[in-house]
Amino acid sequence: MEEYTPESQEEKSEQIKRWFQDNLRIIVSIVIVVAIAGGIYSYSNRGKSTVTITDSESAQTTEDQNSIDTSKTGEQQTKDDKASVKVSTASSSQETENSFVETAGKGDSLTTLARQATANYLEKNPDSALTKEHKIYVEDYLRKNITYKGGVRVGTSIEFSKDLVQKAISQSKNLNERQLKNLQKYSARVSNL
């Protein structure tokens, strides 16, 4: 067996120090790669947020939800039986007797929601006279003439009345050739009209 000597301990610490200095580049490179990978992972999981409400908070949440008029705020929260709220990143549409309620998904804007409402209306009431330019006018008309004011976030619900959509379509048919030609530069950018 080897005896403990202060010199052998110093030699070992000297070897460790030398090894660390020789491999410093590799160690720093590994730390950088791990930091970048962590940043990418964190960024990719940004949109996946879930809010969970405990049972003790659910009574207060129910009262708060009942006091909110979703048609005026444009925001809607739903609560399932387990008292948890999940924020969906996908947009959705709902038709009522007098309107289309469009709920924003990830990346949606007021224009996107107006486009969805227009498409839903035209699916139920086809109009072959409408060109892409007419549809651009309709969605812009809807965007400017709804009562909702504020930003659009994931989960924001906006109601577009069927009467307003019909009025926008009627007005789009009164556009002259110069106006339609002007709208061509916008309709060329949109592929899903």
N, C-alpha and C. Protein backbone atom coordinates (compact mmCIF):
# COMPACT_ATOMS: atom_id res chain seq x y z
N MET A 1 0.81 -1.19 0.00
CA MET A 1 0.00 0.00 0.00
C MET A 1 0.85 1.25 0.00
N GLU A 2 0.28 2.27 -0.60
CA GLU A 2 0.99 3.52 -0.69
C GLU A 2 0.72 4.35 0.54
N GLU A 3 1.74 5.00 0.99
CA GLU A 3 1.56 5.87 2.13
C GLU A 3 1.15 7.25 1.65
N TYR A 4 0.42 7.93 2.48
CA TYR A 4 0.01 9.27 2.15
C TYR A 4 1.19 10.21 2.35
N THR A 5 1.49 10.92 1.31
CA THR A 5 2.56 11.90 1.42
C THR A 5 2.04 13.21 0.83
N PRO A 6 2.42 14.28 1.42
CA PRO A 6 1.96 15.58 0.92
C PRO A 6 2.41 15.81 -0.52
N GLU A 7 3.54 15.25 -0.91
CA GLU A 7 4.05 15.46 -2.26
C GLU A 7 3.15 14.79 -3.28
N SER A 8 2.66 13.58 -3.00
CA SER A 8 1.79 12.89 -3.95
C SER A 8 0.46 13.63 -4.10
N GLN A 9 -0.03 14.22 -3.03
CA GLN A 9 -1.26 15.01 -3.09
C GLN A 9 -1.04 16.24 -3.95
N GLU A 10 0.09 16.88 -3.80
CA GLU A 10 0.41 18.06 -4.60
C GLU A 10 0.57 17.69 -6.06
N GLU A 11 1.14 16.52 -6.32
CA GLU A 11 1.31 16.06 -7.69
C GLU A 11 -0.05 15.83 -8.35
N LYS A 12 -0.95 15.23 -7.61
CA LYS A 12 -2.29 14.98 -8.15
C LYS A 12 -3.01 16.29 -8.45
N SER A 13 -2.95 17.24 -7.54
CA SER A 13 -3.61 18.52 -7.79
C SER A 13 -2.95 19.25 -8.95
N GLU A 14 -1.65 19.07 -9.10
CA GLU A 14 -0.92 19.67 -10.23
C GLU A 14 -1.35 19.02 -11.54
N GLN A 15 -1.55 17.68 -11.53
CA GLN A 15 -1.99 16.97 -12.73
C GLN A 15 -3.42 17.40 -13.12
N ILE A 16 -4.27 17.56 -12.13
CA ILE A 16 -5.65 17.99 -12.39
C ILE A 16 -5.64 19.40 -12.98
N LYS A 17 -4.83 20.27 -12.42
CA LYS A 17 -4.73 21.63 -12.90
C LYS A 17 -4.22 21.66 -14.34
N ARG A 18 -3.21 20.85 -14.65
CA ARG A 18 -2.65 20.77 -15.99
C ARG A 18 -3.69 20.21 -16.98
N TRP A 19 -4.40 19.15 -16.54
CA TRP A 19 -5.43 18.56 -17.40
C TRP A 19 -6.52 19.59 -17.71
N PHE A 20 -6.94 20.37 -16.70
CA PHE A 20 -7.97 21.39 -16.87
C PHE A 20 -7.50 22.45 -17.86
N GLN A 21 -6.24 22.89 -17.74
CA GLN A 21 -5.70 23.89 -18.65
C GLN A 21 -5.59 23.34 -20.07
N ASP A 22 -5.20 22.08 -20.20
CA ASP A 22 -5.08 21.48 -21.53
C ASP A 22 -6.44 21.31 -22.20
N ASN A 23 -7.49 21.08 -21.44
CA ASN A 23 -8.81 20.79 -21.99
C ASN A 23 -9.79 21.94 -21.81
N LEU A 24 -9.30 23.13 -21.50
CA LEU A 24 -10.16 24.28 -21.25
C LEU A 24 -11.04 24.60 -22.46
N ARG A 25 -10.50 24.55 -23.65
CA ARG A 25 -11.28 24.82 -24.86
C ARG A 25 -12.46 23.85 -25.01
N ILE A 26 -12.20 22.59 -24.77
CA ILE A 26 -13.26 21.58 -24.89
C ILE A 26 -14.34 21.82 -23.85
N ILE A 27 -13.94 22.11 -22.62
CA ILE A 27 -14.90 22.35 -21.54
C ILE A 27 -15.77 23.56 -21.86
N VAL A 28 -15.15 24.65 -22.30
CA VAL A 28 -15.90 25.86 -22.64
C VAL A 28 -16.84 25.58 -23.81
N SER A 29 -16.38 24.84 -24.81
CA SER A 29 -17.23 24.49 -25.96
C SER A 29 -18.45 23.69 -25.52
N ILE A 30 -18.27 22.75 -24.63
CA ILE A 30 -19.39 21.94 -24.13
C ILE A 30 -20.39 22.82 -23.38
N VAL A 31 -19.88 23.74 -22.55
CA VAL A 31 -20.77 24.63 -21.81
C VAL A 31 -21.58 25.50 -22.78
N ILE A 32 -20.95 26.00 -23.84
CA ILE A 32 -21.64 26.84 -24.82
C ILE A 32 -22.72 26.03 -25.54
N VAL A 33 -22.38 24.81 -25.95
CA VAL A 33 -23.35 23.95 -26.65
C VAL A 33 -24.55 23.66 -25.76
N VAL A 34 -24.32 23.37 -24.49
CA VAL A 34 -25.40 23.09 -23.56
C VAL A 34 -26.28 24.34 -23.38
N ALA A 35 -25.65 25.52 -23.29
CA ALA A 35 -26.41 26.77 -23.14
C ALA A 35 -27.27 27.03 -24.38
N ILE A 36 -26.72 26.82 -25.56
CA ILE A 36 -27.49 27.02 -26.80
C ILE A 36 -28.64 26.02 -26.88
N ALA A 37 -28.38 24.77 -26.57
CA ALA A 37 -29.43 23.74 -26.61
C ALA A 37 -30.54 24.08 -25.61
N GLY A 38 -30.17 24.55 -24.44
CA GLY A 38 -31.17 24.95 -23.45
C GLY A 38 -32.01 26.12 -23.93
N GLY A 39 -31.36 27.08 -24.58
CA GLY A 39 -32.09 28.23 -25.14
C GLY A 39 -33.07 27.81 -26.22
N ILE A 40 -32.64 26.92 -27.11
CA ILE A 40 -33.52 26.43 -28.18
C ILE A 40 -34.70 25.67 -27.58
N TYR A 41 -34.45 24.83 -26.61
CA TYR A 41 -35.52 24.07 -25.96
C TYR A 41 -36.52 25.02 -25.29
N SER A 42 -35.99 26.01 -24.59
CA SER A 42 -36.85 26.98 -23.91
C SER A 42 -37.68 27.76 -24.92
N TYR A 43 -37.07 28.19 -26.02
CA TYR A 43 -37.78 28.95 -27.05
C TYR A 43 -38.87 28.11 -27.71
N SER A 44 -38.57 26.85 -27.97
CA SER A 44 -39.55 25.99 -28.64
C SER A 44 -40.74 25.67 -27.76
N ASN A 45 -40.59 25.75 -26.46
CA ASN A 45 -41.69 25.45 -25.54
C ASN A 45 -42.42 26.71 -25.07
N ARG A 46 -42.10 27.87 -25.64
CA ARG A 46 -42.72 29.12 -25.24
C ARG A 46 -44.22 29.13 -25.42
N GLY A 47 -44.72 28.63 -26.54
CA GLY A 47 -46.15 28.68 -26.84
C GLY A 47 -46.97 27.64 -26.13
N LYS A 48 -46.35 26.72 -25.46
CA LYS A 48 -47.08 25.62 -24.81
C LYS A 48 -47.31 25.95 -23.35
N SER A 49 -48.24 26.87 -23.10
CA SER A 49 -48.50 27.24 -21.71
C SER A 49 -49.81 26.64 -21.25
N THR A 50 -49.82 26.14 -20.06
CA THR A 50 -51.02 25.58 -19.47
C THR A 50 -51.18 26.18 -18.09
N VAL A 51 -52.36 26.68 -17.81
CA VAL A 51 -52.65 27.27 -16.51
C VAL A 51 -53.54 26.28 -15.78
N THR A 52 -53.15 25.89 -14.58
CA THR A 52 -53.95 24.97 -13.79
C THR A 52 -54.47 25.69 -12.57
N ILE A 53 -55.76 25.52 -12.29
CA ILE A 53 -56.39 26.17 -11.16
C ILE A 53 -56.74 25.08 -10.14
N THR A 54 -56.36 25.30 -8.91
CA THR A 54 -56.67 24.31 -7.87
C THR A 54 -58.14 24.42 -7.48
N ASP A 55 -58.65 23.39 -6.80
CA ASP A 55 -60.06 23.36 -6.42
C ASP A 55 -60.43 24.53 -5.52
N SER A 56 -59.52 24.96 -4.64
CA SER A 56 -59.84 26.07 -3.75
C SER A 56 -59.98 27.39 -4.51
N GLU A 57 -59.29 27.50 -5.64
CA GLU A 57 -59.39 28.71 -6.45
C GLU A 57 -60.54 28.65 -7.44
N SER A 58 -61.11 27.46 -7.66
CA SER A 58 -62.12 27.32 -8.72
C SER A 58 -63.39 28.08 -8.41
N ALA A 59 -63.79 28.19 -7.15
CA ALA A 59 -64.99 28.93 -6.81
C ALA A 59 -64.82 30.40 -7.16
N GLN A 60 -63.67 30.98 -6.82
CA GLN A 60 -63.40 32.38 -7.14
C GLN A 60 -63.32 32.56 -8.65
N THR A 61 -62.70 31.62 -9.34
CA THR A 61 -62.57 31.70 -10.79
C THR A 61 -63.93 31.66 -11.46
N THR A 62 -64.82 30.81 -10.97
CA THR A 62 -66.17 30.71 -11.52
C THR A 62 -66.90 32.04 -11.36
N GLU A 63 -66.77 32.67 -10.18
CA GLU A 63 -67.40 33.97 -9.97
C GLU A 63 -66.83 35.00 -10.92
N ASP A 64 -65.51 35.00 -11.09
CA ASP A 64 -64.87 35.94 -12.00
C ASP A 64 -65.33 35.72 -13.43
N GLN A 65 -65.44 34.47 -13.84
CA GLN A 65 -65.85 34.17 -15.21
C GLN A 65 -67.29 34.58 -15.44
N ASN A 66 -68.14 34.41 -14.44
CA ASN A 66 -69.53 34.79 -14.59
C ASN A 66 -69.71 36.30 -14.67
N SER A 67 -68.78 37.07 -14.09
CA SER A 67 -68.90 38.52 -14.11
C SER A 67 -68.35 39.13 -15.39
N ILE A 68 -67.69 38.36 -16.23
CA ILE A 68 -67.10 38.88 -17.46
C ILE A 68 -68.10 38.70 -18.60
N ASP A 69 -68.37 39.78 -19.33
CA ASP A 69 -69.23 39.68 -20.50
C ASP A 69 -68.31 39.45 -21.69
N THR A 70 -68.24 38.21 -22.17
CA THR A 70 -67.27 37.87 -23.21
C THR A 70 -67.57 38.53 -24.54
N SER A 71 -68.80 38.91 -24.80
CA SER A 71 -69.08 39.56 -26.07
C SER A 71 -68.51 40.97 -26.10
N LYS A 72 -68.33 41.59 -24.93
CA LYS A 72 -67.78 42.93 -24.91
C LYS A 72 -66.26 42.92 -24.80
N THR A 73 -65.69 41.99 -24.07
CA THR A 73 -64.24 41.97 -23.89
C THR A 73 -63.54 41.27 -25.02
N GLY A 74 -64.23 40.35 -25.70
CA GLY A 74 -63.59 39.62 -26.79
C GLY A 74 -62.75 38.47 -26.28
N GLU A 75 -62.73 38.25 -24.99
CA GLU A 75 -61.93 37.16 -24.45
C GLU A 75 -62.87 36.14 -23.81
N GLN A 76 -62.52 34.88 -23.99
CA GLN A 76 -63.38 33.82 -23.45
C GLN A 76 -62.50 32.76 -22.82
N GLN A 77 -62.89 32.33 -21.61
CA GLN A 77 -62.20 31.23 -20.97
C GLN A 77 -63.21 30.13 -20.73
N THR A 78 -62.79 28.91 -20.92
CA THR A 78 -63.67 27.79 -20.63
C THR A 78 -63.06 26.98 -19.51
N LYS A 79 -63.95 26.34 -18.72
CA LYS A 79 -63.49 25.58 -17.57
C LYS A 79 -64.07 24.19 -17.67
N ASP A 80 -63.21 23.17 -17.56
CA ASP A 80 -63.73 21.81 -17.61
C ASP A 80 -64.03 21.30 -16.21
N ASP A 81 -64.51 20.07 -16.11
CA ASP A 81 -64.94 19.51 -14.83
C ASP A 81 -63.81 19.39 -13.82
N LYS A 82 -62.59 19.31 -14.27
CA LYS A 82 -61.45 19.14 -13.36
C LYS A 82 -60.89 20.48 -12.90
N ALA A 83 -61.54 21.58 -13.22
CA ALA A 83 -61.15 22.92 -12.81
C ALA A 83 -59.77 23.30 -13.32
N SER A 84 -59.51 23.02 -14.57
CA SER A 84 -58.26 23.50 -15.16
C SER A 84 -58.57 24.18 -16.48
N VAL A 85 -57.78 25.19 -16.80
CA VAL A 85 -57.97 25.95 -18.03
C VAL A 85 -56.77 25.70 -18.92
N LYS A 86 -57.02 25.29 -20.15
CA LYS A 86 -55.94 25.09 -21.10
C LYS A 86 -56.07 26.14 -22.18
N VAL A 87 -54.96 26.78 -22.52
CA VAL A 87 -54.94 27.78 -23.57
C VAL A 87 -54.58 27.07 -24.86
N SER A 88 -55.52 27.06 -25.80
CA SER A 88 -55.29 26.39 -27.07
C SER A 88 -54.52 27.32 -27.99
N THR A 89 -53.56 26.76 -28.71
CA THR A 89 -52.79 27.58 -29.65
C THR A 89 -53.38 27.50 -31.05
N ALA A 90 -54.46 26.76 -31.22
CA ALA A 90 -55.12 26.65 -32.52
C ALA A 90 -56.36 27.54 -32.55
N SER A 91 -56.60 28.17 -33.69
CA SER A 91 -57.77 29.02 -33.80
C SER A 91 -59.01 28.16 -33.98
N SER A 92 -60.16 28.74 -33.62
CA SER A 92 -61.42 28.00 -33.76
C SER A 92 -62.52 28.96 -34.15
N SER A 93 -63.59 28.40 -34.69
CA SER A 93 -64.75 29.18 -35.11
C SER A 93 -66.01 28.57 -34.52
N GLN A 94 -66.94 29.44 -34.24
CA GLN A 94 -68.22 29.00 -33.71
C GLN A 94 -69.30 29.86 -34.36
N GLU A 95 -70.36 29.23 -34.80
CA GLU A 95 -71.44 29.98 -35.43
C GLU A 95 -72.61 30.05 -34.48
N THR A 96 -73.14 31.26 -34.31
CA THR A 96 -74.37 31.44 -33.55
C THR A 96 -75.46 31.81 -34.55
N GLU A 97 -76.64 32.09 -34.06
CA GLU A 97 -77.74 32.42 -34.96
C GLU A 97 -77.46 33.68 -35.77
N ASN A 98 -76.82 34.67 -35.15
CA ASN A 98 -76.61 35.97 -35.80
C ASN A 98 -75.17 36.33 -36.08
N SER A 99 -74.24 35.46 -35.73
CA SER A 99 -72.84 35.86 -35.88
C SER A 99 -71.91 34.66 -35.97
N PHE A 100 -70.65 34.98 -36.26
CA PHE A 100 -69.56 34.01 -36.20
C PHE A 100 -68.62 34.49 -35.11
N VAL A 101 -68.29 33.59 -34.18
CA VAL A 101 -67.35 33.92 -33.11
C VAL A 101 -66.03 33.24 -33.45
N GLU A 102 -65.03 34.04 -33.71
CA GLU A 102 -63.71 33.53 -34.09
C GLU A 102 -62.77 33.66 -32.90
N THR A 103 -62.10 32.57 -32.56
CA THR A 103 -61.16 32.56 -31.44
C THR A 103 -59.75 32.47 -32.00
N ALA A 104 -58.89 33.37 -31.56
CA ALA A 104 -57.54 33.49 -32.09
C ALA A 104 -56.66 32.34 -31.64
N GLY A 105 -55.85 31.88 -32.57
CA GLY A 105 -54.82 30.89 -32.29
C GLY A 105 -53.47 31.57 -32.35
N LYS A 106 -52.44 30.80 -32.27
CA LYS A 106 -51.08 31.33 -32.30
C LYS A 106 -50.82 32.00 -33.65
N GLY A 107 -50.39 33.24 -33.61
CA GLY A 107 -50.04 33.97 -34.82
C GLY A 107 -51.21 34.66 -35.50
N ASP A 108 -52.42 34.56 -34.96
CA ASP A 108 -53.58 35.18 -35.59
C ASP A 108 -53.64 36.67 -35.25
N SER A 109 -54.21 37.42 -36.18
CA SER A 109 -54.43 38.85 -36.00
C SER A 109 -55.90 39.14 -36.21
N LEU A 110 -56.27 40.39 -36.06
CA LEU A 110 -57.65 40.79 -36.29
C LEU A 110 -58.04 40.53 -37.74
N THR A 111 -57.12 40.77 -38.66
CA THR A 111 -57.37 40.51 -40.08
C THR A 111 -57.59 39.02 -40.32
N THR A 112 -56.78 38.17 -39.69
CA THR A 112 -56.92 36.72 -39.85
C THR A 112 -58.28 36.26 -39.36
N LEU A 113 -58.73 36.79 -38.24
CA LEU A 113 -60.04 36.41 -37.70
C LEU A 113 -61.17 36.90 -38.62
N ALA A 114 -61.01 38.10 -39.17
CA ALA A 114 -62.01 38.61 -40.12
C ALA A 114 -62.03 37.74 -41.38
N ARG A 115 -60.88 37.27 -41.81
CA ARG A 115 -60.79 36.38 -42.97
C ARG A 115 -61.52 35.06 -42.69
N GLN A 116 -61.35 34.54 -41.48
CA GLN A 116 -62.03 33.29 -41.11
C GLN A 116 -63.55 33.48 -41.07
N ALA A 117 -63.99 34.61 -40.54
CA ALA A 117 -65.43 34.89 -40.49
C ALA A 117 -65.99 35.01 -41.90
N THR A 118 -65.25 35.68 -42.78
CA THR A 118 -65.68 35.82 -44.17
C THR A 118 -65.78 34.46 -44.84
N ALA A 119 -64.77 33.63 -44.65
CA ALA A 119 -64.77 32.29 -45.25
C ALA A 119 -65.92 31.45 -44.73
N ASN A 120 -66.20 31.55 -43.44
CA ASN A 120 -67.33 30.80 -42.85
C ASN A 120 -68.66 31.27 -43.41
N TYR A 121 -68.80 32.57 -43.57
CA TYR A 121 -70.04 33.11 -44.13
C TYR A 121 -70.22 32.66 -45.58
N LEU A 122 -69.14 32.75 -46.36
CA LEU A 122 -69.23 32.37 -47.77
C LEU A 122 -69.39 30.87 -47.96
N GLU A 123 -68.97 30.09 -46.98
CA GLU A 123 -69.18 28.65 -47.05
C GLU A 123 -70.68 28.34 -46.95
N LYS A 124 -71.38 29.10 -46.12
CA LYS A 124 -72.83 28.90 -45.93
C LYS A 124 -73.64 29.63 -47.00
N ASN A 125 -73.09 30.73 -47.51
CA ASN A 125 -73.78 31.57 -48.50
C ASN A 125 -72.84 31.84 -49.67
N PRO A 126 -72.62 30.88 -50.55
CA PRO A 126 -71.66 31.06 -51.64
C PRO A 126 -72.05 32.23 -52.56
N ASP A 127 -71.04 32.94 -53.03
CA ASP A 127 -71.25 34.05 -53.95
C ASP A 127 -70.14 34.00 -54.99
N SER A 128 -70.45 33.50 -56.16
CA SER A 128 -69.44 33.32 -57.20
C SER A 128 -68.96 34.63 -57.81
N ALA A 129 -69.67 35.72 -57.54
CA ALA A 129 -69.28 37.01 -58.09
C ALA A 129 -68.10 37.63 -57.33
N LEU A 130 -67.78 37.10 -56.17
CA LEU A 130 -66.70 37.68 -55.36
C LEU A 130 -65.34 37.19 -55.83
N THR A 131 -64.46 38.13 -56.10
CA THR A 131 -63.07 37.80 -56.45
C THR A 131 -62.22 37.89 -55.19
N LYS A 132 -60.95 37.56 -55.32
CA LYS A 132 -60.03 37.68 -54.18
C LYS A 132 -59.97 39.12 -53.69
N GLU A 133 -60.04 40.05 -54.60
CA GLU A 133 -59.98 41.47 -54.24
C GLU A 133 -61.21 41.87 -53.42
N HIS A 134 -62.37 41.36 -53.80
CA HIS A 134 -63.58 41.63 -53.03
C HIS A 134 -63.43 41.08 -51.61
N LYS A 135 -62.87 39.89 -51.50
CA LYS A 135 -62.71 39.27 -50.17
C LYS A 135 -61.72 40.05 -49.31
N ILE A 136 -60.67 40.59 -49.93
CA ILE A 136 -59.73 41.44 -49.19
C ILE A 136 -60.46 42.66 -48.65
N TYR A 137 -61.30 43.26 -49.48
CA TYR A 137 -62.07 44.41 -49.04
C TYR A 137 -62.98 44.04 -47.87
N VAL A 138 -63.66 42.90 -47.99
CA VAL A 138 -64.60 42.46 -46.95
C VAL A 138 -63.87 42.27 -45.62
N GLU A 139 -62.73 41.56 -45.63
CA GLU A 139 -62.04 41.32 -44.36
C GLU A 139 -61.52 42.62 -43.76
N ASP A 140 -61.08 43.55 -44.60
CA ASP A 140 -60.61 44.84 -44.09
C ASP A 140 -61.78 45.65 -43.53
N TYR A 141 -62.91 45.60 -44.21
CA TYR A 141 -64.12 46.27 -43.73
C TYR A 141 -64.53 45.72 -42.36
N LEU A 142 -64.52 44.39 -42.23
CA LEU A 142 -64.88 43.77 -40.95
C LEU A 142 -63.91 44.19 -39.85
N ARG A 143 -62.63 44.16 -40.18
CA ARG A 143 -61.60 44.51 -39.19
C ARG A 143 -61.80 45.92 -38.67
N LYS A 144 -62.18 46.83 -39.56
CA LYS A 144 -62.33 48.23 -39.17
C LYS A 144 -63.67 48.54 -38.51
N ASN A 145 -64.67 47.71 -38.72
CA ASN A 145 -66.02 48.05 -38.26
C ASN A 145 -66.56 47.20 -37.13
N ILE A 146 -65.75 46.37 -36.50
CA ILE A 146 -66.23 45.64 -35.33
C ILE A 146 -66.05 46.51 -34.10
N THR A 147 -66.75 46.17 -33.05
CA THR A 147 -66.70 46.98 -31.83
C THR A 147 -65.49 46.65 -30.95
N TYR A 148 -64.79 45.56 -31.25
CA TYR A 148 -63.66 45.14 -30.41
C TYR A 148 -62.49 46.09 -30.59
N LYS A 149 -61.91 46.51 -29.51
CA LYS A 149 -60.71 47.34 -29.52
C LYS A 149 -59.68 46.69 -28.62
N GLY A 150 -58.46 46.64 -29.04
CA GLY A 150 -57.41 46.04 -28.23
C GLY A 150 -56.61 45.04 -29.03
N GLY A 151 -55.64 44.43 -28.39
CA GLY A 151 -54.78 43.46 -29.04
C GLY A 151 -55.42 42.09 -29.12
N VAL A 152 -54.93 41.30 -30.06
CA VAL A 152 -55.41 39.93 -30.23
C VAL A 152 -54.34 39.00 -29.70
N ARG A 153 -54.71 38.17 -28.76
CA ARG A 153 -53.81 37.18 -28.19
C ARG A 153 -54.43 35.80 -28.36
N VAL A 154 -53.65 34.77 -28.12
CA VAL A 154 -54.18 33.41 -28.18
C VAL A 154 -55.35 33.30 -27.21
N GLY A 155 -56.49 32.84 -27.72
CA GLY A 155 -57.67 32.69 -26.90
C GLY A 155 -58.64 33.84 -26.97
N THR A 156 -58.25 34.95 -27.61
CA THR A 156 -59.15 36.09 -27.76
C THR A 156 -60.28 35.70 -28.71
N SER A 157 -61.52 35.95 -28.30
CA SER A 157 -62.69 35.66 -29.14
C SER A 157 -63.32 36.96 -29.61
N ILE A 158 -63.59 37.02 -30.90
CA ILE A 158 -64.20 38.22 -31.48
C ILE A 158 -65.43 37.80 -32.27
N GLU A 159 -66.50 38.53 -32.08
CA GLU A 159 -67.77 38.22 -32.73
C GLU A 159 -67.96 39.10 -33.96
N PHE A 160 -68.23 38.47 -35.09
CA PHE A 160 -68.52 39.16 -36.34
C PHE A 160 -69.97 38.87 -36.69
N SER A 161 -70.82 39.90 -36.70
CA SER A 161 -72.24 39.65 -36.99
C SER A 161 -72.41 39.31 -38.46
N LYS A 162 -73.38 38.46 -38.74
CA LYS A 162 -73.66 38.07 -40.12
C LYS A 162 -74.15 39.26 -40.93
N ASP A 163 -74.87 40.18 -40.28
CA ASP A 163 -75.34 41.38 -40.97
C ASP A 163 -74.16 42.25 -41.41
N LEU A 164 -73.14 42.36 -40.55
CA LEU A 164 -71.97 43.15 -40.90
C LEU A 164 -71.22 42.51 -42.07
N VAL A 165 -71.11 41.18 -42.06
CA VAL A 165 -70.44 40.48 -43.17
C VAL A 165 -71.23 40.71 -44.46
N GLN A 166 -72.56 40.59 -44.39
CA GLN A 166 -73.39 40.81 -45.58
C GLN A 166 -73.25 42.24 -46.09
N LYS A 167 -73.21 43.20 -45.18
CA LYS A 167 -73.05 44.61 -45.56
C LYS A 167 -71.69 44.82 -46.25
N ALA A 168 -70.65 44.18 -45.72
CA ALA A 168 -69.32 44.31 -46.31
C ALA A 168 -69.29 43.72 -47.72
N ILE A 169 -69.95 42.59 -47.89
CA ILE A 169 -70.00 41.96 -49.22
C ILE A 169 -70.76 42.85 -50.19
N SER A 170 -71.87 43.43 -49.76
CA SER A 170 -72.64 44.33 -50.62
C SER A 170 -71.80 45.54 -51.03
N GLN A 171 -71.08 46.11 -50.09
CA GLN A 171 -70.26 47.27 -50.41
C GLN A 171 -69.08 46.89 -51.31
N SER A 172 -68.57 45.68 -51.17
CA SER A 172 -67.45 45.27 -52.01
C SER A 172 -67.86 45.18 -53.48
N LYS A 173 -69.14 44.90 -53.71
CA LYS A 173 -69.64 44.80 -55.09
C LYS A 173 -69.78 46.17 -55.75
N ASN A 174 -69.68 47.24 -54.96
CA ASN A 174 -69.76 48.60 -55.50
C ASN A 174 -68.39 49.18 -55.82
N LEU A 175 -67.33 48.40 -55.65
CA LEU A 175 -65.99 48.91 -55.94
C LEU A 175 -65.81 49.10 -57.44
N ASN A 176 -65.09 50.15 -57.82
CA ASN A 176 -64.83 50.35 -59.24
C ASN A 176 -63.54 49.62 -59.65
N GLU A 177 -63.24 49.64 -60.93
CA GLU A 177 -62.09 48.91 -61.45
C GLU A 177 -60.77 49.39 -60.85
N ARG A 178 -60.65 50.70 -60.65
CA ARG A 178 -59.41 51.25 -60.08
C ARG A 178 -59.21 50.74 -58.65
N GLN A 179 -60.27 50.68 -57.88
CA GLN A 179 -60.18 50.19 -56.50
C GLN A 179 -59.84 48.70 -56.47
N LEU A 180 -60.47 47.94 -57.36
CA LEU A 180 -60.17 46.50 -57.43
C LEU A 180 -58.73 46.26 -57.85
N LYS A 181 -58.25 47.06 -58.79
CA LYS A 181 -56.86 46.93 -59.25
C LYS A 181 -55.90 47.24 -58.10
N ASN A 182 -56.24 48.23 -57.30
CA ASN A 182 -55.42 48.58 -56.14
C ASN A 182 -55.36 47.43 -55.13
N LEU A 183 -56.46 46.71 -54.97
CA LEU A 183 -56.52 45.60 -54.02
C LEU A 183 -55.76 44.36 -54.52
N GLN A 184 -55.43 44.32 -55.80
CA GLN A 184 -54.70 43.16 -56.35
C GLN A 184 -53.36 42.96 -55.67
N LYS A 185 -52.67 44.04 -55.32
CA LYS A 185 -51.36 43.88 -54.68
C LYS A 185 -51.47 43.22 -53.31
N TYR A 186 -52.62 43.37 -52.65
CA TYR A 186 -52.84 42.73 -51.37
C TYR A 186 -53.33 41.29 -51.53
N SER A 187 -54.21 41.10 -52.51
CA SER A 187 -54.75 39.74 -52.71
C SER A 187 -53.68 38.79 -53.21
N ALA A 188 -52.65 39.31 -53.90
CA ALA A 188 -51.56 38.46 -54.38
C ALA A 188 -50.74 37.89 -53.23
N ARG A 189 -50.75 38.55 -52.10
CA ARG A 189 -49.97 38.10 -50.93
C ARG A 189 -50.67 37.01 -50.13
N VAL A 190 -51.97 36.85 -50.36
CA VAL A 190 -52.76 35.91 -49.56
C VAL A 190 -53.09 34.70 -50.40
N SER A 191 -52.71 33.54 -49.91
CA SER A 191 -52.92 32.32 -50.70
C SER A 191 -54.21 31.60 -50.37
N ASN A 192 -54.79 31.85 -49.22
CA ASN A 192 -55.95 31.06 -48.80
C ASN A 192 -57.27 31.82 -48.89
N LEU A 193 -57.48 32.56 -49.98
CA LEU A 193 -58.76 33.26 -50.15
C LEU A 193 -59.67 32.46 -51.06
